[in-house]
Amino acid sequence: MKNLEADKVSPVEDLSWYKSSYSTAQSNCVEAALLPSGGMALRDSKNPEGTVLHFTGEAWTAFQEALRAGEL
């Protein structure tokens, strides 16, 4: 998998966050938000004010492809 630069984003409070329909009631979830640039942001649902991971669209696609290929 390639090493790619982090995406530049607007403040996280401006993003629309969502959880997977597979998430459980115990709040052990990752929340995701589509970035205006086409990238993806991820955060821990138990700590929405904590660290947010930002991915460029290219990095997010590479991550998904690596998962599907069983490389991760």
Protein backbone atom coordinates (compact mmCIF):
# COMPACT_ATOMS: atom_id res chain seq x y z
CA MET A 1 0.00 0.00 0.00
CA LYS A 2 1.28 3.48 -0.84
CA ASN A 3 2.14 6.13 1.74
CA LEU A 4 -0.05 9.12 0.89
CA GLU A 5 -0.30 12.61 2.33
CA ALA A 6 -3.10 13.53 4.71
CA ASP A 7 -6.00 15.54 3.34
CA LYS A 8 -6.47 19.20 4.30
CA VAL A 9 -9.97 19.65 5.76
CA SER A 10 -12.38 22.13 7.22
CA PRO A 11 -13.16 21.94 10.96
CA VAL A 12 -14.67 18.59 11.97
CA GLU A 13 -17.75 20.27 13.45
CA ASP A 14 -18.73 21.20 9.87
CA LEU A 15 -18.79 17.55 8.74
CA SER A 16 -21.80 15.20 8.62
CA TRP A 17 -20.83 12.07 10.57
CA TYR A 18 -22.44 8.65 10.20
CA LYS A 19 -22.06 5.12 11.60
CA SER A 20 -22.39 1.82 9.79
CA SER A 21 -25.70 0.00 10.03
CA TYR A 22 -23.58 -2.89 11.41
CA SER A 23 -22.67 -0.82 14.51
CA THR A 24 -23.78 -2.14 17.88
CA ALA A 25 -25.65 -0.44 20.70
CA GLN A 26 -22.52 -0.52 22.90
CA SER A 27 -21.08 2.44 20.94
CA ASN A 28 -17.96 0.52 19.89
CA CYS A 29 -18.10 2.22 16.54
CA VAL A 30 -16.12 4.21 14.07
CA GLU A 31 -17.88 7.24 12.60
CA ALA A 32 -17.10 8.41 9.09
CA ALA A 33 -17.60 11.67 7.22
CA LEU A 34 -17.09 12.46 3.56
CA LEU A 35 -14.73 15.41 3.17
CA PRO A 36 -15.45 18.26 0.72
CA SER A 37 -12.29 17.23 -1.17
CA GLY A 38 -13.65 13.70 -1.73
CA GLY A 39 -11.55 12.18 1.04
CA MET A 40 -12.75 10.50 4.23
CA ALA A 41 -12.52 11.36 7.93
CA LEU A 42 -12.82 8.74 10.71
CA ARG A 43 -13.26 9.10 14.47
CA ASP A 44 -14.16 7.02 17.52
CA SER A 45 -17.88 7.34 18.31
CA LYS A 46 -17.12 7.15 22.06
CA ASN A 47 -14.83 10.18 21.80
CA PRO A 48 -16.13 12.53 19.09
CA GLU A 49 -13.94 15.38 20.38
CA GLY A 50 -10.81 13.20 20.12
CA THR A 51 -8.43 12.46 17.28
CA VAL A 52 -9.83 12.46 13.74
CA LEU A 53 -8.04 10.58 10.98
CA HIS A 54 -8.16 12.27 7.57
CA PHE A 55 -7.59 10.38 4.31
CA THR A 56 -7.32 11.69 0.77
CA GLY A 57 -9.70 10.12 -1.71
CA GLU A 58 -6.75 8.24 -3.22
CA ALA A 59 -5.61 6.94 0.17
CA TRP A 60 -9.15 5.87 1.14
CA THR A 61 -9.58 3.98 -2.14
CA ALA A 62 -6.17 2.29 -1.71
CA PHE A 63 -7.14 1.27 1.86
CA GLN A 64 -10.44 -0.26 0.70
CA GLU A 65 -8.74 -2.11 -2.15
CA ALA A 66 -6.11 -3.51 0.24
CA LEU A 67 -8.86 -4.74 2.59
CA ARG A 68 -10.73 -6.43 -0.24
CA ALA A 69 -7.52 -8.07 -1.47
CA GLY A 70 -6.76 -9.43 2.02
CA GLU A 71 -3.55 -7.41 2.28
CA LEU A 72 -4.44 -5.96 5.70
